[in-house]
Protein backbone atom coordinates (compact mmCIF):
# COMPACT_ATOMS: atom_id res chain seq x y z
CA MET A 1 175.44 62.95 142.38
CA ILE A 2 172.96 65.85 142.72
CA GLN A 3 174.70 69.11 141.96
CA ASP A 4 176.07 70.90 145.06
CA PHE A 5 174.29 68.39 147.29
CA PRO A 6 176.95 68.22 150.05
CA ARG A 7 176.81 72.02 150.48
CA TRP A 8 173.09 72.60 150.73
CA SER A 9 172.27 69.43 152.67
CA ALA A 10 175.07 69.78 155.24
CA SER A 11 172.76 71.27 157.91
CA ARG A 12 170.44 68.26 157.58
CA SER A 13 173.14 65.61 157.87
CA GLU A 14 173.59 63.41 160.94
CA THR A 15 176.65 61.45 161.97
CA ASN A 16 176.68 58.24 164.03
CA SER A 17 179.20 55.60 165.06
CA LEU A 18 179.71 52.77 162.58
CA SER A 19 178.98 50.35 165.45
CA ASP A 20 175.35 51.53 165.37
CA LEU A 21 174.95 49.46 162.20
CA SER A 22 176.02 46.26 163.97
CA GLY A 23 173.94 43.30 162.78
CA ALA A 24 172.67 45.18 159.74
CA THR A 25 172.83 44.26 156.06
CA LEU A 26 174.14 47.29 154.21
CA GLY A 27 173.51 47.83 150.52
CA ILE A 28 176.40 49.76 148.99
CA GLU A 29 176.38 51.51 145.60
CA ALA A 30 179.66 50.33 144.04
CA SER A 31 180.26 53.40 141.88
CA PHE A 32 179.77 55.67 144.94
CA TYR A 33 182.21 53.57 146.95
CA LEU A 34 184.88 53.50 144.26
CA SER A 35 184.53 57.22 143.56
CA ASP A 36 184.91 58.04 147.20
CA LEU A 37 187.92 55.76 147.49
CA LEU A 38 189.61 57.37 144.47
CA THR A 39 189.04 60.81 146.00
CA ARG A 40 190.60 59.73 149.30
CA CYS A 41 193.54 58.06 147.57
CA ASP A 42 194.20 61.40 145.85
CA GLU A 43 196.70 60.40 143.18
CA PRO A 44 196.70 63.20 140.59
CA LEU A 45 199.26 61.45 138.37
CA LEU A 46 197.00 58.44 137.79
CA PRO A 47 195.46 59.81 134.54
CA ALA A 48 198.95 60.37 133.17
CA LEU A 49 200.55 57.11 134.25
CA GLY A 50 197.59 54.73 134.15
CA GLY A 51 197.28 51.54 136.18
CA LEU A 52 195.91 51.15 139.68
CA PRO A 53 196.36 53.65 142.52
CA PHE A 54 199.05 52.50 144.92
CA ALA A 55 197.69 50.26 147.71
CA PHE A 56 194.19 50.53 146.15
CA GLN A 57 193.43 46.88 146.74
CA ARG A 58 194.79 46.99 150.26
CA HIS A 59 192.58 49.93 151.13
CA ILE A 60 189.55 47.94 149.94
CA ASN A 61 190.61 45.03 152.13
CA VAL A 62 190.92 47.30 155.15
CA HIS A 63 187.44 48.79 154.50
CA LEU A 64 185.89 45.34 154.29
CA GLU A 65 187.58 44.44 157.57
CA PHE A 66 186.02 47.49 159.21
CA LEU A 67 182.59 46.21 158.14
CA ARG A 68 183.32 42.68 159.31
CA HIS A 69 184.58 43.77 162.74
CA ASN A 70 181.48 45.87 163.23
CA ASN A 71 179.24 42.91 162.28
CA ILE A 72 177.94 44.63 159.13
CA THR A 73 177.05 42.47 156.14
CA PRO A 74 177.71 44.36 152.88
CA ILE A 75 176.01 43.80 149.55
CA PHE A 76 177.51 45.77 146.67
CA ILE A 77 175.34 46.87 143.73
CA PHE A 78 177.04 47.77 140.46
CA ASN A 79 175.71 49.85 137.54
CA GLY A 80 174.46 47.91 134.53
CA LEU A 81 173.32 49.20 131.13
CA ASP A 82 173.11 52.82 130.14
CA VAL A 83 169.72 54.43 130.56
CA GLY A 84 168.20 55.91 127.40
CA ARG A 85 170.09 57.80 124.76
CA VAL A 86 173.66 58.90 125.29
CA HIS A 87 173.99 62.70 125.04
CA ALA A 88 177.31 64.19 123.87
CA PRO A 89 179.20 60.89 124.27
CA PHE A 90 182.62 62.39 123.54
CA ARG A 91 182.39 65.59 125.58
CA SER A 92 183.87 64.37 128.88
CA SER A 93 186.59 62.16 127.36
CA ASP A 94 187.67 64.87 124.93
CA GLU A 95 187.94 67.40 127.74
CA ALA A 96 189.84 64.93 129.92
CA ALA A 97 192.27 64.13 127.11
CA ARG A 98 192.78 67.86 126.50
CA LEU A 99 193.67 68.48 130.15
CA VAL A 100 196.07 65.52 130.22
CA ALA A 101 197.77 66.83 127.06
CA GLU A 102 198.08 70.26 128.69
CA GLY A 103 199.61 68.61 131.70
CA TRP A 104 202.30 66.92 129.64
CA ASP A 105 203.00 70.17 127.86
CA LEU A 106 203.46 71.95 131.18
CA TYR A 107 205.72 69.13 132.36
CA SER A 108 207.92 69.41 129.30
CA LYS A 109 208.38 73.11 130.07
CA GLY A 110 209.61 72.30 133.58
CA GLN A 111 206.40 73.26 135.36
CA GLY A 112 206.08 69.96 137.20
CA GLN A 113 203.82 71.00 140.05
CA VAL A 114 201.38 72.84 137.78
CA ALA A 115 201.36 69.77 135.48
CA VAL A 116 200.44 67.47 138.39
CA THR A 117 197.56 69.73 139.28
CA ARG A 118 196.32 69.69 135.67
CA PHE A 119 196.50 65.88 135.54
CA GLY A 120 194.46 65.67 138.72
CA LYS A 121 191.73 67.91 137.35
CA SER A 122 191.32 65.91 134.13
CA GLY A 123 188.76 63.54 135.63
CA TYR A 124 189.81 60.88 133.17
CA ILE A 125 189.79 58.08 135.75
CA LYS A 126 186.22 56.90 136.20
CA PRO A 127 185.14 54.55 139.00
CA GLU A 128 183.68 51.98 136.61
CA ILE A 129 187.21 51.26 135.37
CA PHE A 130 187.78 49.43 138.68
CA ASP A 131 184.48 47.48 138.74
CA ARG A 132 186.18 44.23 137.78
CA LEU A 133 188.87 44.65 140.42
CA LEU A 134 186.32 45.20 143.16
CA GLN A 135 184.22 42.30 141.92
CA SER A 136 187.22 39.97 142.01
CA ILE A 137 187.98 40.98 145.61
CA LEU A 138 184.39 40.46 146.66
CA GLN A 139 184.33 37.11 144.87
CA GLU A 140 187.44 36.01 146.71
CA LYS A 141 186.03 37.07 150.12
CA GLU A 142 182.60 35.54 149.33
CA ILE A 143 180.86 38.89 149.71
CA GLN A 144 177.63 39.25 147.77
CA PHE A 145 177.34 41.64 144.84
CA VAL A 146 174.83 42.14 142.03
CA VAL A 147 175.07 44.05 138.78
CA ALA A 148 171.82 45.99 138.36
CA PRO A 149 169.98 45.84 135.01
CA TYR A 150 170.50 49.61 134.70
CA SER A 151 171.00 52.06 137.57
CA SER A 152 172.55 50.78 140.80
CA ALA A 153 170.94 53.71 142.67
CA ALA A 154 167.49 52.67 141.43
CA GLN A 155 168.15 49.03 142.38
CA LEU A 156 169.26 49.96 145.91
CA ALA A 157 166.29 52.26 146.40
CA TYR A 158 164.01 49.44 145.27
CA LEU A 159 165.52 47.11 147.87
CA ILE A 160 165.04 49.53 150.78
CA ARG A 161 161.93 51.56 149.95
CA ASP A 162 159.32 48.90 150.60
CA GLY A 163 160.65 48.05 154.03
CA ALA A 164 163.96 46.51 155.10
CA GLU A 165 163.25 43.02 153.81
CA TYR A 166 166.48 42.69 151.84
CA VAL A 167 168.77 45.38 153.23
CA ASP A 168 168.55 47.36 156.48
CA ALA A 169 170.29 50.49 155.18
CA VAL A 170 171.77 51.82 151.95
CA ALA A 171 174.96 53.77 151.33
CA GLY A 172 175.39 55.59 148.04
CA SER A 173 175.11 58.79 146.08
CA SER A 174 172.47 61.43 146.76
CA GLU A 175 170.62 60.23 143.66
CA LEU A 176 169.20 57.39 145.72
CA LEU A 177 166.79 59.99 147.11
CA LEU A 178 165.34 60.55 143.61
CA TYR A 179 164.19 56.92 143.49
CA GLY A 180 162.32 57.02 146.79
CA ALA A 181 164.92 56.00 149.36
CA GLU A 182 163.87 57.74 152.61
CA LYS A 183 167.27 57.62 154.32
CA VAL A 184 170.69 57.41 152.62
CA ILE A 185 174.16 57.02 154.08
CA THR A 186 176.20 59.52 152.05
CA SER A 187 179.57 59.06 153.70
CA ILE A 188 181.42 56.35 155.63
CA ASP A 189 184.55 57.68 157.39
CA LEU A 190 187.04 55.05 158.58
CA VAL A 191 189.80 56.32 160.83
CA TYR A 192 193.21 54.71 160.15
CA ASP A 193 196.64 55.79 158.97
CA LYS A 194 196.51 55.63 155.19
CA GLU A 195 200.30 55.56 154.98
CA LYS A 196 200.74 52.64 157.45
CA LEU A 197 198.42 49.88 156.35
CA ASP A 198 200.63 47.23 157.94
CA GLN A 199 200.22 48.57 161.46
CA GLN A 200 197.58 47.60 163.97
CA ILE A 201 194.20 49.22 163.10
CA ASP A 202 191.47 50.05 165.58
CA PHE A 203 188.41 48.91 163.67
CA THR A 204 186.05 50.64 166.11
CA GLN A 205 187.08 54.07 164.84
CA GLY A 206 184.51 54.63 162.14
CA THR A 207 181.49 56.86 161.56
CA PHE A 208 178.77 57.27 158.93
CA THR A 209 176.81 60.30 157.84
CA PHE A 210 173.25 60.13 156.53
CA VAL A 211 170.46 62.34 155.30
CA THR A 212 166.72 61.83 154.97
CA GLN A 213 164.56 62.73 152.04
CA GLN A 214 162.13 64.56 154.33
CA GLY A 215 164.95 66.64 155.82
CA CYS A 216 166.16 67.64 152.33
CA MET A 217 162.64 68.59 151.26
CA GLU A 218 162.25 70.77 154.35
CA GLU A 219 165.61 72.41 153.71
CA LEU A 220 164.42 73.43 150.21
CA GLY A 221 160.89 74.32 151.28
CA LEU A 222 159.26 71.73 149.02
CA ALA A 223 155.98 70.00 149.73
CA SER A 224 156.17 66.79 147.71
CA GLN A 225 158.66 64.17 146.46
CA ASP A 226 157.77 65.04 142.85
CA GLN A 227 158.83 68.64 143.39
CA PHE A 228 162.02 67.48 145.11
CA VAL A 229 162.92 65.24 142.16
CA ASP A 230 162.17 68.03 139.68
CA ALA A 231 164.36 70.53 141.52
CA CYS A 232 167.26 68.15 141.88
CA MET A 233 167.16 67.04 138.23
CA LEU A 234 167.12 70.60 136.87
CA SER A 235 170.01 71.52 139.17
CA GLY A 236 172.01 68.70 137.62
CA THR A 237 172.44 64.94 138.05
CA SER A 238 174.27 62.08 136.33
CA MET A 239 171.23 61.62 134.01
CA LEU A 240 170.61 65.24 133.12
CA SER A 241 172.93 68.23 133.05
CA SER A 242 171.98 71.49 134.80
CA LEU A 243 169.36 73.73 133.26
CA PRO A 244 171.46 75.78 130.77
CA THR A 245 170.19 79.15 132.04
CA LEU A 246 171.31 78.43 135.63
CA ALA A 247 174.90 79.53 134.88
CA ALA A 248 173.68 83.09 134.52
CA ARG A 249 170.85 82.97 137.05
CA ALA A 250 172.27 81.05 140.04
CA ARG A 251 173.50 83.22 142.90
CA GLY A 252 174.39 80.29 145.16
CA GLU A 253 173.48 76.65 145.08
CA LYS A 254 171.77 75.86 141.78
CA VAL A 255 169.00 73.85 143.40
CA ARG A 256 167.77 76.88 145.37
CA THR A 257 167.59 78.92 142.19
CA VAL A 258 165.58 76.11 140.56
CA VAL A 259 163.19 76.06 143.52
CA GLU A 260 162.61 79.80 143.16
CA MET A 261 161.95 79.39 139.47
CA MET A 262 159.51 76.53 140.12
CA LYS A 263 157.56 78.61 142.61
CA ARG A 264 157.17 81.35 140.00
CA GLU A 265 156.42 79.12 137.01
CA GLY A 266 153.88 76.52 138.15
CA HIS A 267 155.61 74.48 140.88
CA THR A 268 156.94 71.80 138.49
CA GLY A 269 160.15 71.21 136.61
CA LEU A 270 158.20 70.78 133.37
CA SER A 271 156.56 74.21 133.72
CA VAL A 272 160.01 75.80 134.09
CA CYS A 273 161.31 74.03 130.96
CA LEU A 274 158.23 75.00 128.97
CA GLN A 275 158.61 78.64 130.04
CA LEU A 276 162.23 78.71 128.84
CA GLN A 277 161.99 76.35 125.81
CA GLU A 278 162.51 79.14 123.27
CA GLU A 279 165.86 80.18 124.70
CA ASP A 280 168.80 79.30 122.46
CA SER A 281 170.70 77.48 125.16
CA LEU A 282 167.82 75.05 125.73
CA LYS A 283 167.27 74.58 121.99
CA ARG A 284 170.90 73.74 121.30
CA GLU A 285 170.84 70.93 123.81
CA ASN A 286 167.25 69.81 123.07
CA TYR A 287 166.87 70.22 126.82
CA LEU A 288 163.09 69.98 127.08
CA ASP A 289 163.00 66.54 125.42
CA ARG A 290 165.98 65.37 127.48
CA TYR A 291 164.25 66.52 130.68
CA ARG A 292 161.06 64.69 129.82
CA ARG A 293 162.90 61.49 129.04
CA SER A 294 165.06 61.61 132.15
CA ARG A 295 162.12 62.43 134.41
CA LEU A 296 160.09 59.50 133.14
CA ALA A 297 163.15 57.25 133.32
CA VAL A 298 163.38 57.98 137.05
CA LYS A 299 159.71 57.26 137.52
CA HIS A 300 159.77 54.01 135.57
CA GLN A 301 163.31 52.79 136.24
CA VAL A 302 163.90 49.10 135.60
CA VAL A 303 165.16 46.83 138.43
CA LEU A 304 165.77 43.21 139.22
CA THR A 305 163.00 41.77 141.40
CA PRO A 306 163.43 39.11 144.10
CA GLY A 307 161.77 36.62 141.73
CA GLY A 308 164.51 37.08 139.17
CA LYS A 309 162.38 39.17 136.80
CA VAL A 310 163.43 42.49 135.32
CA GLU A 311 160.57 44.99 135.72
CA PRO A 312 160.08 48.77 136.00
CA PHE A 313 158.87 50.63 139.04
CA ALA A 314 155.09 50.71 139.08
CA ALA A 315 154.83 48.05 136.39
CA GLU A 316 151.07 48.58 136.09
CA GLN A 317 151.56 52.20 134.93
CA ILE A 318 154.39 51.85 132.43
CA PRO A 319 154.16 53.83 129.13
CA SER A 320 153.98 51.93 125.89
CA ASP A 321 157.25 53.45 124.67
CA LEU A 322 159.32 52.56 127.74
CA ASN A 323 162.02 51.15 125.45
CA GLU A 324 162.58 54.68 124.12
CA LEU A 325 163.13 55.96 127.67
CA ILE A 326 165.22 53.13 129.14
CA GLY A 327 166.45 51.02 126.26
CA GLN A 328 165.60 47.89 124.25
CA HIS A 329 164.39 45.13 126.56
CA LEU A 330 166.59 42.02 126.64
CA PRO A 331 165.59 38.50 127.71
CA ASP A 332 165.77 37.84 131.44
CA GLU A 333 168.46 35.26 130.78
CA LEU A 334 170.86 37.94 129.58
CA TYR A 335 170.07 40.22 132.49
CA TYR A 336 170.91 37.30 134.75
CA TYR A 337 174.31 36.80 133.08
CA LEU A 338 174.84 40.53 133.56
CA SER A 339 173.77 40.41 137.21
CA ILE A 340 176.44 37.85 138.12
CA ALA A 341 179.05 39.66 135.98
CA LEU A 342 179.40 36.77 133.54
CA ILE A 343 179.17 39.40 130.82
CA GLY A 344 179.90 43.13 131.09
CA PRO A 345 177.45 45.90 130.15
CA ARG A 346 179.53 47.24 127.23
CA PRO A 347 178.54 44.76 124.50
CA LEU A 348 174.92 44.74 125.68
CA ASN A 349 174.83 48.52 125.44
CA GLN A 350 176.15 48.29 121.92
CA LEU A 351 173.59 45.65 120.99
CA THR A 352 170.56 47.51 122.33
CA SER A 353 171.52 50.99 121.08
CA ALA A 354 173.08 49.85 117.75
CA GLN A 355 175.82 52.37 118.47
CA ILE A 356 179.46 52.01 119.40
CA PHE A 357 181.29 55.05 120.72
CA GLU A 358 185.10 54.84 120.68
CA LYS A 359 186.24 57.59 123.05
CA ALA A 360 189.58 59.30 123.21
CA PRO A 361 192.23 57.55 125.31
CA ALA A 362 194.10 59.48 127.99
CA ASP A 363 196.87 60.51 125.59
CA GLY A 364 194.38 61.91 123.09
CA GLY A 365 194.80 59.09 120.59
CA ASP A 366 196.71 61.15 118.01
CA ALA A 367 198.60 58.18 116.55
CA GLU A 368 197.20 57.28 113.13
CA THR A 369 198.00 53.56 113.64
CA TYR A 370 195.82 53.55 116.75
CA ARG A 371 192.96 55.26 114.93
CA ILE A 372 193.14 52.74 112.10
CA LEU A 373 193.04 49.96 114.67
CA VAL A 374 189.87 51.09 116.46
CA ARG A 375 188.07 52.27 113.34
CA ASP A 376 188.97 49.58 110.80
CA LYS A 377 190.92 46.58 112.07
CA LEU A 378 188.66 45.81 115.00
CA LYS A 379 185.53 45.69 112.88
CA PRO A 380 185.59 41.90 112.34
CA VAL A 381 186.00 41.30 116.07
CA ARG A 382 183.17 43.69 116.92
CA ALA A 383 180.90 42.11 114.30
CA ALA A 384 181.63 38.56 115.52
CA THR A 385 181.05 39.54 119.14
CA LEU A 386 177.71 41.19 118.50
CA ALA A 387 176.63 38.43 116.12
CA LEU A 388 177.35 35.84 118.81
CA LEU A 389 175.00 37.67 121.19
CA ALA A 390 172.34 38.48 118.58
CA GLY A 391 172.30 34.90 117.26
CA GLN A 392 170.00 33.67 120.02
CA LEU A 393 167.81 36.81 120.24
CA HIS A 394 164.87 38.29 118.35
CA ARG A 395 165.33 38.75 114.60
CA VAL A 396 165.44 42.55 115.01
CA PHE A 397 168.89 42.19 116.61
CA LYS A 398 170.25 39.78 113.98
CA PHE A 399 169.63 42.05 110.99
CA ARG A 400 170.47 45.36 112.57
CA ASP A 401 173.51 47.30 111.36
CA MET A 402 175.66 48.94 114.03
CA THR A 403 177.21 52.38 113.72
CA LEU A 404 180.68 53.08 115.01
CA ARG A 405 181.66 56.68 115.83
CA CYS A 406 185.16 57.65 116.88
CA TRP A 407 186.33 60.67 118.86
CA PHE A 408 188.54 61.94 116.02
CA ASP A 409 185.66 62.00 113.51
CA PRO A 410 182.45 62.14 115.58
CA ASN A 411 180.15 63.12 112.69
CA THR A 412 180.99 60.10 110.53
CA ASP A 413 179.15 56.83 110.97
CA ASN A 414 181.13 53.65 110.19
CA THR A 415 178.77 50.76 109.57
CA ILE A 416 179.32 47.33 111.16
CA THR A 417 177.15 44.64 109.60
CA ILE A 418 176.47 41.51 111.66
CA LYS A 419 173.88 39.79 109.49
CA ASP A 420 176.56 38.51 107.10
CA VAL A 421 178.74 37.05 109.83
CA GLU A 422 178.86 33.23 109.58
CA ARG A 423 176.61 31.66 112.15
CA PRO A 424 178.70 31.91 115.33
CA SER A 425 177.14 28.79 116.87
CA LYS A 426 179.01 26.65 114.32
CA ALA A 427 182.25 27.35 116.15
CA VAL A 428 181.01 25.50 119.25
CA GLU A 429 178.85 22.77 117.77
CA GLN A 430 181.65 20.25 118.22
CA TRP A 431 182.63 21.52 121.70
CA ASN A 432 180.99 19.44 124.42
CA ILE A 433 182.29 18.88 127.93
CA HIS A 434 180.83 15.65 129.26
CA ALA A 435 180.22 15.41 133.00
CA ASP A 436 182.48 12.37 133.29
CA LEU A 437 185.46 14.53 132.25
CA LEU A 438 185.16 16.57 135.46
CA PRO A 439 186.39 15.41 138.86
CA ASN A 440 183.66 14.01 141.10
CA ALA A 441 184.61 16.37 143.92
CA THR A 442 183.99 19.47 141.82
CA LYS A 443 181.25 21.55 143.47
CA ASP A 444 181.63 24.92 141.80
CA ILE A 445 181.74 24.68 137.99
CA SER A 446 182.65 28.18 136.82
CA LEU A 447 183.47 29.48 133.38
CA ALA A 448 186.92 30.57 134.54
CA SER A 449 187.75 27.12 136.00
CA LEU A 450 186.72 25.36 132.80
CA LEU A 451 188.74 27.76 130.64
CA GLY A 452 191.72 27.16 132.91
CA ARG A 453 191.46 23.43 132.41
CA LEU A 454 191.55 23.91 128.63
CA LYS A 455 195.24 24.68 129.01
CA ASP A 456 195.68 20.96 129.40
CA ALA A 457 195.93 19.70 125.78
CA GLY A 458 194.72 16.25 126.77
CA PHE A 459 191.59 17.58 128.43
CA ALA A 460 190.95 20.06 125.63
CA GLY A 461 191.10 17.32 123.00
CA LYS A 462 188.44 15.28 124.78
CA THR A 463 185.98 18.20 124.73
CA VAL A 464 185.82 18.27 120.90
CA THR A 465 183.13 15.72 120.22
CA SER A 466 179.71 15.40 118.70
CA LYS A 467 176.76 16.14 120.90
CA THR A 468 174.34 13.27 121.25
CA THR A 469 171.38 15.55 121.84
CA GLN A 470 170.77 18.83 120.07
CA VAL A 471 169.10 21.32 122.39
CA SER A 472 167.48 24.41 120.89
CA CYS A 473 168.09 27.42 123.13
CA ASP A 474 166.37 30.72 122.52
CA LEU A 475 167.25 33.22 125.23
CA GLY A 476 163.99 35.02 124.57
CA TYR A 477 161.90 32.26 126.09
CA MET A 478 164.00 30.95 128.96
CA SER A 479 162.87 31.55 132.53
CA VAL A 480 165.36 32.33 135.25
CA GLY A 481 162.93 32.64 138.17
CA PRO A 482 163.47 30.88 141.46
CA GLU A 483 161.26 27.98 140.40
CA THR A 484 163.77 27.00 137.73
CA ASN A 485 167.09 28.25 139.11
CA SER A 486 168.33 27.30 142.54
CA ARG A 487 170.74 30.24 142.57
CA TYR A 488 167.89 32.51 143.61
CA SER A 489 167.99 31.73 147.32
CA SER A 490 169.50 33.29 150.41
CA SER A 491 168.86 33.59 154.11
CA HIS A 492 168.83 37.40 153.89
CA LEU A 493 168.38 38.23 150.24
CA ASN A 494 165.68 36.32 148.33
CA TRP A 495 167.77 36.30 145.20
CA ARG A 496 171.31 35.53 146.12
CA LEU A 497 172.52 35.40 142.53
CA GLU A 498 175.39 33.16 143.51
CA ARG A 499 178.69 33.75 141.74
CA THR A 500 179.28 31.21 139.00
CA VAL A 501 182.28 32.81 137.42
CA SER A 502 185.61 33.98 138.71
CA ILE A 503 185.60 37.69 138.01
CA ALA A 504 189.39 37.74 138.09
CA SER A 505 189.23 36.72 134.44
CA SER A 506 188.11 39.96 132.78
CA THR A 507 187.71 38.65 129.32
CA SER A 508 183.93 38.72 129.47
CA GLU A 509 184.01 42.54 129.69
CA ASN A 510 185.09 42.68 126.07
CA MET A 511 182.97 39.82 124.71
């Protein structure tokens, strides 16, 4: 979300009836949808008690019914891997844990209402926690979703910006505008009694609010998209925090202060950063370098193309060090597994960055036994997991040591070595499921369905057998384009990325 965006863009927003989208395919940014839903559910005790918000799943079902009754076809896009280097990885979780601890302290002193308010302000509950839940609901209802290689906002903007060939409209955070989306639905308001979900609902009572990039540029008095992106990024986004000096300079919305500074200092965000680079606040955060990296990451963001390839925007202009801006490139096969949620982004982030950040849990993680668990006892599991992934990749991944940093000792690197792990493929060399073991009527062979059948001891015993043909598989050279994979086909979306795994089984998130 662009800092203060709802306030300064309000005069440029337009609201229409949801029925105006009838017949359209709507691309929805999943993190935006979940964040909005969590805000509307408004359960301040959730960080303290954990679990799901009450009726959370039922609200999602009602929202999907609104879309269906209005003849709107949704396609949800989820965030994938982290972009670039992680800055201050423990800051937000440490602050959240501190506020939760303060809430419990207030509660113990009999200040219940104040404690509830403090819990609600902690911000510990992040929308990505509920990605698997939403994916399982979409899977059950046969609604399409895709996990983007990196930013879901960039993926959605890519789908809409070259004409409505894949989606007719996009709904998501204001950051879609940074990637070239000309029109973005920033709010969908569905009118129904949140306390009486079992009653009859009038599904025609819904509206949506949208803004245009041109309208936002006119509101700020900017002449080009590059200037608009610069101003928004310096005012603060999910990729880059606000320019440190804005706290003292801003008299209203931060973005307007940035625009004034740009007009004085050369009309670009870079000129502003260069002018202020000697200030202590920028030096402490290495802000100039972070700005340059983030700005180039927006320009060359990596997306999944209709042909099943993973490529950056403007592929013909990419810098030679793009891996430093975005992250280590993985084989297309792995991005495909990520796109259908067969594997979660967490282990892939660890593999590409060679870093594992263990953040503070909601209770602060003060128990020494818990700290020993995450720092020491889980090392063999982490090593085996990453070795299993690295085993089929380039040699640079196989012989790379990982560093583990924990919230309670952030300056100490704990090394996790994967090169000495016994070859993981040995564990499955004798596991082979022959086609004749499966029922003839089986149409959808999913990982979850096969794992479920292994509960049958008789079936499981028959799968342990020698393979008659040894097939060498190197993920680095496998193609997953439409010419080799029939899953890339759809009447409305060229790459349908058909679900091959039941997301209800969340074990792959922690592979």
